[in-house]
Amino acid sequence: MRIRIRHEISQNFEPGSRNMAAIVRLTPRPHEGQFIQRWTLDVDGDACLHAQEDAFGNCCHSFSVEGPADSVTIIAEGEVETQDSAGIVRGTVERFPPALYLRTTELTLPEPNVVAFAQGVPRDADPLNHLHALMQAVHEAVKERPDTPNGDTISAGEVLRKGAACSGSITHLFTTLARYLGLPARHVSGYFATEEAGNVRHWAEAHVTDVGWIAFDCGQKLCATENHVRLAVGLDALGVAPLRTSGTGLKEEISVRTGRLLRNGPARNPPASNPPVINPGAGGMQQAQSQQQS
C-alpha cells in the first residue's frame, strides 16, 4: 500500500524569544514491511537541520533559532510503501536488548489499580495469547478519544480512573501491564491511514521469545496492519514526541491518505541500519530529504 503523509507543526514562543532549540522526530526509518519512497523535512526561518540518532535508534533532527522569533513551523512530507506483516516487526534498528523495555517511567508506573487490573486478566501460559488477552481487556475497559497534540498524554493509572483516553495514553496502560507481567513492551508513534483520512497514532510493541516484536493497537483492538506507518519508539509518549521545544501554543495539521500501489514485484527494503540521506538547504526553508528507490 502506498501512503502519502503531510504533517505540519507550528510552535509559538514568548514574544521576542531568543536562542530556541528543538528536537524533531518526524522521519520514519525503513524496516521489513515499510519502505520509504521519499521524505522531506522543512523548517522555516533562519535555522539549519542537523541529522542524528537518539539512544533508541530513531532518526532525529535538531535545530536552533537565534531570534528574536515568535514561532517556528516544521513540515514533514512524503510517501511510504507498506506491506502487511501480521503485526510482527522485523528489520528495525535495535540499540538495546528487549529487557531494557521492562523499565518504568512516570507515565508507566504500576499503580495499585493497574496491578489489580493486570491480575484480573486470566493468565495464559502462552505469552502471545496473554498479550492478546491484555489488548482485549484494555480495549473493553477504556474508550478511545481523539489524540491530543504533541503527546499530551496521561499515566496508565489515570487512564483506568478516567475510563477514556487518547491512543498514546491507552498505550501507556498496555505497556505498563505487559512490563508488570515481565513482558518487554515499548511505545511507538506513527500514522494510521485510510482511503478517506488518517491521523497520527500511538501503539505498543511487545516482545515474545522466539517470535520477536509484535505491534498491538489497543484502541482499535488489532495488531498493526499495512495502514500503520511506524515513526519512532521509546519508553513512553514523551520519548517519541514529534517536537520537543520550550514553546507553547502548538498547532498541528495532518494529512494521511492511502493509495493502492501496482508493481511487478515486492519492494526491496534497504538495510535498516542505513539512515536517510540528509541534504540541508542553504537559507530560507531548510530541507532534509530522503530518497530511496525501489
C-alpha atoms as a PDB file:
ATOM      1  CA  MET A   1       0.000   0.000   0.000  1.00  0.00           C
ATOM      2  CA  ARG A   2       1.224   3.488  -0.832  1.00  0.00           C
ATOM      3  CA  ILE A   3       0.610   6.033   1.954  1.00  0.00           C
ATOM      4  CA  ARG A   4       1.013   9.766   1.445  1.00  0.00           C
ATOM      5  CA  ILE A   5       1.698  11.833   4.558  1.00  0.00           C
ATOM      6  CA  ARG A   6       1.921  15.552   5.308  1.00  0.00           C
ATOM      7  CA  HIS A   7       2.457  16.629   8.919  1.00  0.00           C
ATOM      8  CA  GLU A   8       2.807  20.326   9.748  1.00  0.00           C
ATOM      9  CA  ILE A   9       3.553  21.574  13.268  1.00  0.00           C
ATOM     10  CA  SER A  10       3.585  25.248  14.288  1.00  0.00           C
ATOM     11  CA  GLN A  11       5.055  26.157  17.676  1.00  0.00           C
ATOM     12  CA  ASN A  12       4.670  29.580  19.309  1.00  0.00           C
ATOM     13  CA  PHE A  13       7.239  31.182  21.610  1.00  0.00           C
ATOM     14  CA  GLU A  14       7.110  34.056  24.025  1.00  0.00           C
ATOM     15  CA  PRO A  15       7.315  37.322  22.024  1.00  0.00           C
ATOM     16  CA  GLY A  16      10.908  38.313  21.367  1.00  0.00           C
ATOM     17  CA  SER A  17      12.321  34.931  22.441  1.00  0.00           C
ATOM     18  CA  ARG A  18      15.934  34.177  21.521  1.00  0.00           C
ATOM     19  CA  ASN A  19      18.057  31.042  21.204  1.00  0.00           C
ATOM     20  CA  MET A  20      15.261  28.452  20.922  1.00  0.00           C
ATOM     21  CA  ALA A  21      16.341  24.826  20.446  1.00  0.00           C
ATOM     22  CA  ALA A  22      14.259  21.876  19.283  1.00  0.00           C
ATOM     23  CA  ILE A  23      14.410  18.129  18.702  1.00  0.00           C
ATOM     24  CA  VAL A  24      12.253  16.736  15.871  1.00  0.00           C
ATOM     25  CA  ARG A  25      11.256  13.074  15.469  1.00  0.00           C
ATOM     26  CA  LEU A  26       9.361  13.158  12.194  1.00  0.00           C
ATOM     27  CA  THR A  27      11.431  10.919   9.904  1.00  0.00           C
ATOM     28  CA  PRO A  28      10.408   7.232   9.608  1.00  0.00           C
ATOM     29  CA  ARG A  29      13.029   4.538   9.098  1.00  0.00           C
ATOM     30  CA  PRO A  30      12.679   1.541   6.785  1.00  0.00           C
ATOM     31  CA  HIS A  31      12.199  -2.000   8.013  1.00  0.00           C
ATOM     32  CA  GLU A  32      10.569  -5.169   6.713  1.00  0.00           C
ATOM     33  CA  GLY A  33       7.134  -4.141   5.529  1.00  0.00           C
ATOM     34  CA  GLN A  34       7.889  -0.388   5.482  1.00  0.00           C
ATOM     35  CA  PHE A  35       9.773   1.206   2.588  1.00  0.00           C
ATOM     36  CA  ILE A  36      10.402   4.970   2.461  1.00  0.00           C
ATOM     37  CA  GLN A  37       9.840   6.074  -1.138  1.00  0.00           C
ATOM     38  CA  ARG A  38      10.544   9.745  -0.455  1.00  0.00           C
ATOM     39  CA  TRP A  39      10.596  12.006   2.594  1.00  0.00           C
ATOM     40  CA  THR A  40      11.309  15.701   3.178  1.00  0.00           C
ATOM     41  CA  LEU A  41      11.586  17.692   6.361  1.00  0.00           C
ATOM     42  CA  ASP A  42      11.415  21.501   6.277  1.00  0.00           C
ATOM     43  CA  VAL A  43      11.756  24.174   8.930  1.00  0.00           C
ATOM     44  CA  ASP A  44      11.071  27.841   8.292  1.00  0.00           C
ATOM     45  CA  GLY A  45      13.156  30.792   9.389  1.00  0.00           C
ATOM     46  CA  ASP A  46      16.899  31.088   9.805  1.00  0.00           C
ATOM     47  CA  ALA A  47      17.550  27.561  11.036  1.00  0.00           C
ATOM     48  CA  CYS A  48      19.585  24.590   9.856  1.00  0.00           C
ATOM     49  CA  LEU A  49      18.608  20.967  10.473  1.00  0.00           C
ATOM     50  CA  HIS A  50      21.202  18.605  11.933  1.00  0.00           C
ATOM     51  CA  ALA A  51      20.549  14.872  11.477  1.00  0.00           C
ATOM     52  CA  GLN A  52      21.299  12.451  14.310  1.00  0.00           C
ATOM     53  CA  GLU A  53      20.066   9.298  16.025  1.00  0.00           C
ATOM     54  CA  ASP A  54      18.728   9.142  19.542  1.00  0.00           C
ATOM     55  CA  ALA A  55      19.526   6.366  22.016  1.00  0.00           C
ATOM     56  CA  PHE A  56      16.753   4.140  20.619  1.00  0.00           C
ATOM     57  CA  GLY A  57      17.896   4.437  17.004  1.00  0.00           C
ATOM     58  CA  ASN A  58      15.188   6.889  15.941  1.00  0.00           C
ATOM     59  CA  CYS A  59      16.111   9.283  13.147  1.00  0.00           C
ATOM     60  CA  CYS A  60      16.033  12.768  14.724  1.00  0.00           C
ATOM     61  CA  HIS A  61      16.865  16.309  13.718  1.00  0.00           C
ATOM     62  CA  SER A  62      17.857  19.196  15.919  1.00  0.00           C
ATOM     63  CA  PHE A  63      17.863  22.893  15.144  1.00  0.00           C
ATOM     64  CA  SER A  64      18.094  26.225  16.916  1.00  0.00           C
ATOM     65  CA  VAL A  65      16.630  29.642  16.150  1.00  0.00           C
ATOM     66  CA  GLU A  66      18.612  32.638  17.320  1.00  0.00           C
ATOM     67  CA  GLY A  67      15.622  35.006  17.214  1.00  0.00           C
ATOM     68  CA  PRO A  68      14.024  37.177  18.100  1.00  0.00           C
ATOM     69  CA  ALA A  69      11.203  34.922  16.869  1.00  0.00           C
ATOM     70  CA  ASP A  70       7.586  34.351  17.788  1.00  0.00           C
ATOM     71  CA  SER A  71       7.049  30.949  16.153  1.00  0.00           C
ATOM     72  CA  VAL A  72       8.543  28.144  14.081  1.00  0.00           C
ATOM     73  CA  THR A  73       6.909  25.751  11.591  1.00  0.00           C
ATOM     74  CA  ILE A  74       8.113  22.250  10.694  1.00  0.00           C
ATOM     75  CA  ILE A  75       6.688  20.319   7.745  1.00  0.00           C
ATOM     76  CA  ALA A  76       7.282  16.600   7.210  1.00  0.00           C
ATOM     77  CA  GLU A  77       6.005  15.183   3.938  1.00  0.00           C
ATOM     78  CA  GLY A  78       6.492  12.040   1.909  1.00  0.00           C
ATOM     79  CA  GLU A  79       5.319   8.658   0.667  1.00  0.00           C
ATOM     80  CA  VAL A  80       5.727   5.299   2.374  1.00  0.00           C
ATOM     81  CA  GLU A  81       5.014   1.874   0.905  1.00  0.00           C
ATOM     82  CA  THR A  82       3.805  -0.685   3.444  1.00  0.00           C
ATOM     83  CA  GLN A  83       3.111  -4.414   3.474  1.00  0.00           C
ATOM     84  CA  ASP A  84       1.060  -6.370   5.991  1.00  0.00           C
ATOM     85  CA  SER A  85       3.268  -8.441   8.310  1.00  0.00           C
ATOM     86  CA  ALA A  86       0.529  -9.652  10.705  1.00  0.00           C
ATOM     87  CA  GLY A  87       1.845  -7.251  13.334  1.00  0.00           C
ATOM     88  CA  ILE A  88       5.332  -8.807  13.508  1.00  0.00           C
ATOM     89  CA  VAL A  89       8.081  -6.163  13.378  1.00  0.00           C
ATOM     90  CA  ARG A  90      11.428  -7.180  11.863  1.00  0.00           C
ATOM     91  CA  GLY A  91      14.449  -5.401  10.433  1.00  0.00           C
ATOM     92  CA  THR A  92      14.308  -2.445  12.816  1.00  0.00           C
ATOM     93  CA  VAL A  93      17.275  -0.703  14.389  1.00  0.00           C
ATOM     94  CA  GLU A  94      17.752  -2.242  17.841  1.00  0.00           C
ATOM     95  CA  ARG A  95      20.160  -0.459  20.185  1.00  0.00           C
ATOM     96  CA  PHE A  96      19.187  -2.364  23.345  1.00  0.00           C
ATOM     97  CA  PRO A  97      18.179  -5.884  24.391  1.00  0.00           C
ATOM     98  CA  PRO A  98      14.437  -6.408  24.946  1.00  0.00           C
ATOM     99  CA  ALA A  99      14.913  -6.429  28.737  1.00  0.00           C
ATOM    100  CA  LEU A 100      15.513  -2.664  28.702  1.00  0.00           C
ATOM    101  CA  TYR A 101      11.844  -2.215  27.833  1.00  0.00           C
ATOM    102  CA  LEU A 102      10.838  -3.580  31.223  1.00  0.00           C
ATOM    103  CA  ARG A 103      11.836  -0.168  32.605  1.00  0.00           C
ATOM    104  CA  THR A 104       9.112   2.040  34.036  1.00  0.00           C
ATOM    105  CA  THR A 105       8.655   5.803  33.684  1.00  0.00           C
ATOM    106  CA  GLU A 106       6.439   8.304  35.495  1.00  0.00           C
ATOM    107  CA  LEU A 107       3.747   7.665  32.880  1.00  0.00           C
ATOM    108  CA  THR A 108       4.000   3.864  33.123  1.00  0.00           C
ATOM    109  CA  LEU A 109       4.147   3.199  36.866  1.00  0.00           C
ATOM    110  CA  PRO A 110       2.280   0.059  38.022  1.00  0.00           C
ATOM    111  CA  GLU A 111      -0.069   1.856  40.409  1.00  0.00           C
ATOM    112  CA  PRO A 112      -2.335  -0.330  42.599  1.00  0.00           C
ATOM    113  CA  ASN A 113      -5.315  -0.031  40.230  1.00  0.00           C
ATOM    114  CA  VAL A 114      -3.105  -1.088  37.291  1.00  0.00           C
ATOM    115  CA  VAL A 115      -1.749  -4.076  39.235  1.00  0.00           C
ATOM    116  CA  ALA A 116      -5.297  -5.130  40.158  1.00  0.00           C
ATOM    117  CA  PHE A 117      -6.335  -4.820  36.513  1.00  0.00           C
ATOM    118  CA  ALA A 118      -3.382  -6.970  35.391  1.00  0.00           C
ATOM    119  CA  GLN A 119      -4.193  -9.645  37.949  1.00  0.00           C
ATOM    120  CA  GLY A 120      -7.821  -9.664  36.811  1.00  0.00           C
ATOM    121  CA  VAL A 121      -6.924 -10.808  33.300  1.00  0.00           C
ATOM    122  CA  PRO A 122      -6.822 -14.643  33.241  1.00  0.00           C
ATOM    123  CA  ARG A 123      -3.207 -15.711  32.785  1.00  0.00           C
ATOM    124  CA  ASP A 124      -2.343 -17.750  29.710  1.00  0.00           C
ATOM    125  CA  ALA A 125       0.798 -19.880  29.649  1.00  0.00           C
ATOM    126  CA  ASP A 126       1.457 -18.708  26.089  1.00  0.00           C
ATOM    127  CA  PRO A 127       2.750 -15.104  26.356  1.00  0.00           C
ATOM    128  CA  LEU A 128       1.430 -14.216  22.889  1.00  0.00           C
ATOM    129  CA  ASN A 129      -2.067 -15.345  23.824  1.00  0.00           C
ATOM    130  CA  HIS A 130      -1.823 -13.411  27.074  1.00  0.00           C
ATOM    131  CA  LEU A 131      -0.807 -10.238  25.245  1.00  0.00           C
ATOM    132  CA  HIS A 132      -3.873 -10.591  23.036  1.00  0.00           C
ATOM    133  CA  ALA A 133      -5.973 -11.041  26.188  1.00  0.00           C
ATOM    134  CA  LEU A 134      -4.461  -7.849  27.638  1.00  0.00           C
ATOM    135  CA  MET A 135      -5.274  -5.960  24.438  1.00  0.00           C
ATOM    136  CA  GLN A 136      -8.864  -7.217  24.582  1.00  0.00           C
ATOM    137  CA  ALA A 137      -9.209  -6.217  28.248  1.00  0.00           C
ATOM    138  CA  VAL A 138      -7.753  -2.724  27.680  1.00  0.00           C
ATOM    139  CA  HIS A 139      -9.997  -2.164  24.665  1.00  0.00           C
ATOM    140  CA  GLU A 140     -13.073  -3.082  26.686  1.00  0.00           C
ATOM    141  CA  ALA A 141     -12.094  -1.053  29.763  1.00  0.00           C
ATOM    142  CA  VAL A 142     -11.068   2.223  28.103  1.00  0.00           C
ATOM    143  CA  LYS A 143     -12.903   4.250  25.481  1.00  0.00           C
ATOM    144  CA  GLU A 144     -10.643   5.876  22.921  1.00  0.00           C
ATOM    145  CA  ARG A 145     -10.777   9.636  22.436  1.00  0.00           C
ATOM    146  CA  PRO A 146      -9.092  11.646  19.641  1.00  0.00           C
ATOM    147  CA  ASP A 147      -5.361  12.152  20.065  1.00  0.00           C
ATOM    148  CA  THR A 148      -4.266  15.446  21.566  1.00  0.00           C
ATOM    149  CA  PRO A 149      -1.405  17.497  20.092  1.00  0.00           C
ATOM    150  CA  ASN A 150       2.199  16.514  20.605  1.00  0.00           C
ATOM    151  CA  GLY A 151       1.798  13.684  23.083  1.00  0.00           C
ATOM    152  CA  ASP A 152      -0.362  15.419  25.734  1.00  0.00           C
ATOM    153  CA  THR A 153      -0.970  12.081  27.441  1.00  0.00           C
ATOM    154  CA  ILE A 154      -1.781  10.774  30.921  1.00  0.00           C
ATOM    155  CA  SER A 155      -0.390   7.954  33.042  1.00  0.00           C
ATOM    156  CA  ALA A 156      -1.548   4.349  32.989  1.00  0.00           C
ATOM    157  CA  GLY A 157      -3.241   4.659  36.377  1.00  0.00           C
ATOM    158  CA  GLU A 158      -5.084   7.814  35.326  1.00  0.00           C
ATOM    159  CA  VAL A 159      -6.296   6.068  32.173  1.00  0.00           C
ATOM    160  CA  LEU A 160      -8.075   3.444  34.270  1.00  0.00           C
ATOM    161  CA  ARG A 161      -9.503   6.050  36.623  1.00  0.00           C
ATOM    162  CA  LYS A 162     -10.959   8.094  33.757  1.00  0.00           C
ATOM    163  CA  GLY A 163     -12.028   5.167  31.561  1.00  0.00           C
ATOM    164  CA  ALA A 164     -11.328   7.179  28.408  1.00  0.00           C
ATOM    165  CA  ALA A 165      -8.089   8.360  26.799  1.00  0.00           C
ATOM    166  CA  CYS A 166      -6.247   9.047  23.541  1.00  0.00           C
ATOM    167  CA  SER A 167      -4.254   6.316  21.797  1.00  0.00           C
ATOM    168  CA  GLY A 168      -0.998   7.440  23.434  1.00  0.00           C
ATOM    169  CA  SER A 169      -2.457   7.151  26.932  1.00  0.00           C
ATOM    170  CA  ILE A 170      -4.061   3.799  26.146  1.00  0.00           C
ATOM    171  CA  THR A 171      -0.631   2.632  25.017  1.00  0.00           C
ATOM    172  CA  HIS A 172       0.767   3.661  28.422  1.00  0.00           C
ATOM    173  CA  LEU A 173      -1.721   1.316  30.056  1.00  0.00           C
ATOM    174  CA  PHE A 174      -0.868  -1.627  27.815  1.00  0.00           C
ATOM    175  CA  THR A 175       2.915  -1.226  28.150  1.00  0.00           C
ATOM    176  CA  THR A 176       2.588  -0.896  31.944  1.00  0.00           C
ATOM    177  CA  LEU A 177       0.515  -4.077  32.161  1.00  0.00           C
ATOM    178  CA  ALA A 178       2.932  -6.014  29.963  1.00  0.00           C
ATOM    179  CA  ARG A 179       6.007  -4.830  31.880  1.00  0.00           C
ATOM    180  CA  TYR A 180       4.394  -5.657  35.223  1.00  0.00           C
ATOM    181  CA  LEU A 181       3.883  -9.221  33.931  1.00  0.00           C
ATOM    182  CA  GLY A 182       7.522  -9.445  32.831  1.00  0.00           C
ATOM    183  CA  LEU A 183       6.932  -8.941  29.102  1.00  0.00           C
ATOM    184  CA  PRO A 184       9.096  -6.221  27.482  1.00  0.00           C
ATOM    185  CA  ALA A 185       6.943  -3.531  25.849  1.00  0.00           C
ATOM    186  CA  ARG A 186       7.673  -0.198  24.192  1.00  0.00           C
ATOM    187  CA  HIS A 187       5.812   2.857  22.945  1.00  0.00           C
ATOM    188  CA  VAL A 188       5.503   3.598  19.207  1.00  0.00           C
ATOM    189  CA  SER A 189       4.441   6.768  17.433  1.00  0.00           C
ATOM    190  CA  GLY A 190       3.332   6.844  13.814  1.00  0.00           C
ATOM    191  CA  TYR A 191       0.430   7.331  11.453  1.00  0.00           C
ATOM    192  CA  PHE A 192      -2.708   5.385  10.642  1.00  0.00           C
ATOM    193  CA  ALA A 193      -4.047   5.798   7.112  1.00  0.00           C
ATOM    194  CA  THR A 194      -7.387   5.172   5.434  1.00  0.00           C
ATOM    195  CA  GLU A 195      -8.648   5.967   1.948  1.00  0.00           C
ATOM    196  CA  GLU A 196     -10.687   8.877   3.316  1.00  0.00           C
ATOM    197  CA  ALA A 197      -8.480  10.317   6.059  1.00  0.00           C
ATOM    198  CA  GLY A 198      -5.844   9.340   8.570  1.00  0.00           C
ATOM    199  CA  ASN A 199      -4.134  10.717  11.631  1.00  0.00           C
ATOM    200  CA  VAL A 200      -1.203  10.452  13.991  1.00  0.00           C
ATOM    201  CA  ARG A 201      -1.436   7.413  16.227  1.00  0.00           C
ATOM    202  CA  HIS A 202       0.370   5.639  19.052  1.00  0.00           C
ATOM    203  CA  TRP A 203       0.520   1.904  19.704  1.00  0.00           C
ATOM    204  CA  ALA A 204       2.682  -0.621  21.553  1.00  0.00           C
ATOM    205  CA  GLU A 205       5.187  -3.295  20.614  1.00  0.00           C
ATOM    206  CA  ALA A 206       5.683  -6.258  22.953  1.00  0.00           C
ATOM    207  CA  HIS A 207       8.481  -8.813  22.749  1.00  0.00           C
ATOM    208  CA  VAL A 208       7.805 -12.551  22.702  1.00  0.00           C
ATOM    209  CA  THR A 209      10.690 -15.011  22.817  1.00  0.00           C
ATOM    210  CA  ASP A 210      11.143 -16.960  19.542  1.00  0.00           C
ATOM    211  CA  VAL A 211       8.784 -14.561  17.748  1.00  0.00           C
ATOM    212  CA  GLY A 212      10.206 -11.080  18.283  1.00  0.00           C
ATOM    213  CA  TRP A 213       8.459  -7.733  18.483  1.00  0.00           C
ATOM    214  CA  ILE A 214       4.714  -7.640  17.815  1.00  0.00           C
ATOM    215  CA  ALA A 215       2.683  -4.443  17.410  1.00  0.00           C
ATOM    216  CA  PHE A 216      -0.572  -4.068  19.393  1.00  0.00           C
ATOM    217  CA  ASP A 217      -3.018  -1.222  18.725  1.00  0.00           C
ATOM    218  CA  CYS A 218      -5.324  -1.488  21.746  1.00  0.00           C
ATOM    219  CA  GLY A 219      -7.591   1.400  20.749  1.00  0.00           C
ATOM    220  CA  GLN A 220      -8.584  -0.487  17.603  1.00  0.00           C
ATOM    221  CA  LYS A 221      -8.082  -3.977  19.094  1.00  0.00           C
ATOM    222  CA  LEU A 222      -5.788  -5.211  16.358  1.00  0.00           C
ATOM    223  CA  CYS A 223      -2.158  -5.889  15.590  1.00  0.00           C
ATOM    224  CA  ALA A 224      -0.600  -3.263  13.346  1.00  0.00           C
ATOM    225  CA  THR A 225      -1.541  -3.571   9.659  1.00  0.00           C
ATOM    226  CA  GLU A 226      -0.306  -2.107   6.384  1.00  0.00           C
ATOM    227  CA  ASN A 227      -2.271   1.024   7.322  1.00  0.00           C
ATOM    228  CA  HIS A 228       0.205   1.766  10.130  1.00  0.00           C
ATOM    229  CA  VAL A 229       3.373   3.768   9.436  1.00  0.00           C
ATOM    230  CA  ARG A 230       5.972   3.386  12.199  1.00  0.00           C
ATOM    231  CA  LEU A 231       7.785   6.602  13.133  1.00  0.00           C
ATOM    232  CA  ALA A 232       9.653   6.377  16.467  1.00  0.00           C
ATOM    233  CA  VAL A 233       9.971   4.132  19.539  1.00  0.00           C
ATOM    234  CA  GLY A 234      10.642   4.851  23.202  1.00  0.00           C
ATOM    235  CA  LEU A 235       9.600   4.060  26.754  1.00  0.00           C
ATOM    236  CA  ASP A 236       6.541   6.337  26.706  1.00  0.00           C
ATOM    237  CA  ALA A 237       4.851   9.120  24.729  1.00  0.00           C
ATOM    238  CA  LEU A 238       7.347  11.770  25.843  1.00  0.00           C
ATOM    239  CA  GLY A 239      10.185   9.747  24.358  1.00  0.00           C
ATOM    240  CA  VAL A 240       8.567   9.682  20.900  1.00  0.00           C
ATOM    241  CA  ALA A 241       7.149  13.238  20.807  1.00  0.00           C
ATOM    242  CA  PRO A 242       7.439  14.644  17.255  1.00  0.00           C
ATOM    243  CA  LEU A 243       8.635  18.040  18.534  1.00  0.00           C
ATOM    244  CA  ARG A 244      10.301  18.925  21.848  1.00  0.00           C
ATOM    245  CA  THR A 245      10.851  22.648  22.494  1.00  0.00           C
ATOM    246  CA  SER A 246      10.279  25.193  25.245  1.00  0.00           C
ATOM    247  CA  GLY A 247       7.460  26.846  23.286  1.00  0.00           C
ATOM    248  CA  THR A 248       3.704  26.937  23.832  1.00  0.00           C
ATOM    249  CA  GLY A 249       0.605  27.153  21.670  1.00  0.00           C
ATOM    250  CA  LEU A 250       1.209  24.104  19.494  1.00  0.00           C
ATOM    251  CA  LYS A 251      -0.850  23.662  16.326  1.00  0.00           C
ATOM    252  CA  GLU A 252      -0.834  20.601  14.068  1.00  0.00           C
ATOM    253  CA  GLU A 253      -2.207  19.942  10.587  1.00  0.00           C
ATOM    254  CA  ILE A 254      -2.046  16.344   9.407  1.00  0.00           C
ATOM    255  CA  SER A 255      -2.976  14.660   6.154  1.00  0.00           C
ATOM    256  CA  VAL A 256      -2.594  10.888   5.780  1.00  0.00           C
ATOM    257  CA  ARG A 257      -4.021   9.177   2.693  1.00  0.00           C
ATOM    258  CA  THR A 258      -3.728   5.702   1.180  1.00  0.00           C
ATOM    259  CA  GLY A 259      -3.445   4.705  -2.443  1.00  0.00           C
ATOM    260  CA  ARG A 260      -3.054   1.184  -3.814  1.00  0.00           C
ATOM    261  CA  LEU A 261       0.323   0.684  -5.473  1.00  0.00           C
ATOM    262  CA  LEU A 262       0.659  -1.618  -8.501  1.00  0.00           C
ATOM    263  CA  ARG A 263       4.063  -3.169  -9.085  1.00  0.00           C
ATOM    264  CA  ASN A 264       5.643  -6.219 -10.711  1.00  0.00           C
ATOM    265  CA  GLY A 265       7.244  -7.457  -7.505  1.00  0.00           C
ATOM    266  CA  PRO A 266       7.766  -6.655  -3.852  1.00  0.00           C
ATOM    267  CA  ALA A 267       9.657  -3.536  -2.863  1.00  0.00           C
ATOM    268  CA  ARG A 268      13.264  -4.006  -1.830  1.00  0.00           C
ATOM    269  CA  ASN A 269      13.857  -2.694   1.667  1.00  0.00           C
ATOM    270  CA  PRO A 270      17.267  -1.067   2.231  1.00  0.00           C
ATOM    271  CA  PRO A 271      19.168  -2.142   5.351  1.00  0.00           C
ATOM    272  CA  ALA A 272      17.538  -0.645   8.442  1.00  0.00           C
ATOM    273  CA  SER A 273      20.951   0.434   9.715  1.00  0.00           C
ATOM    274  CA  ASN A 274      21.277   2.999   6.919  1.00  0.00           C
ATOM    275  CA  PRO A 275      19.711   6.328   7.949  1.00  0.00           C
ATOM    276  CA  PRO A 276      18.091   8.599   5.333  1.00  0.00           C
ATOM    277  CA  VAL A 277      20.443  10.819   3.341  1.00  0.00           C
ATOM    278  CA  ILE A 278      20.216  14.374   4.669  1.00  0.00           C
ATOM    279  CA  ASN A 279      20.778  17.348   2.369  1.00  0.00           C
ATOM    280  CA  PRO A 280      20.208  20.576   4.325  1.00  0.00           C
ATOM    281  CA  GLY A 281      19.379  23.581   2.166  1.00  0.00           C
ATOM    282  CA  ALA A 282      21.029  26.967   2.449  1.00  0.00           C
ATOM    283  CA  GLY A 283      18.928  29.850   3.773  1.00  0.00           C
ATOM    284  CA  GLY A 284      15.150  30.307   3.772  1.00  0.00           C
ATOM    285  CA  MET A 285      13.358  26.989   4.134  1.00  0.00           C
ATOM    286  CA  GLN A 286      15.908  24.377   5.203  1.00  0.00           C
ATOM    287  CA  GLN A 287      15.229  20.930   3.802  1.00  0.00           C
ATOM    288  CA  ALA A 288      16.233  17.396   4.772  1.00  0.00           C
ATOM    289  CA  GLN A 289      15.477  14.821   2.114  1.00  0.00           C
ATOM    290  CA  SER A 290      15.322  11.053   1.978  1.00  0.00           C
ATOM    291  CA  GLN A 291      15.261   9.474  -1.496  1.00  0.00           C
ATOM    292  CA  GLN A 292      15.224   5.665  -1.580  1.00  0.00           C
ATOM    293  CA  GLN A 293      14.257   3.912  -4.783  1.00  0.00           C
ATOM    294  CA  SER A 294      12.640   0.529  -5.090  1.00  0.00           C
END
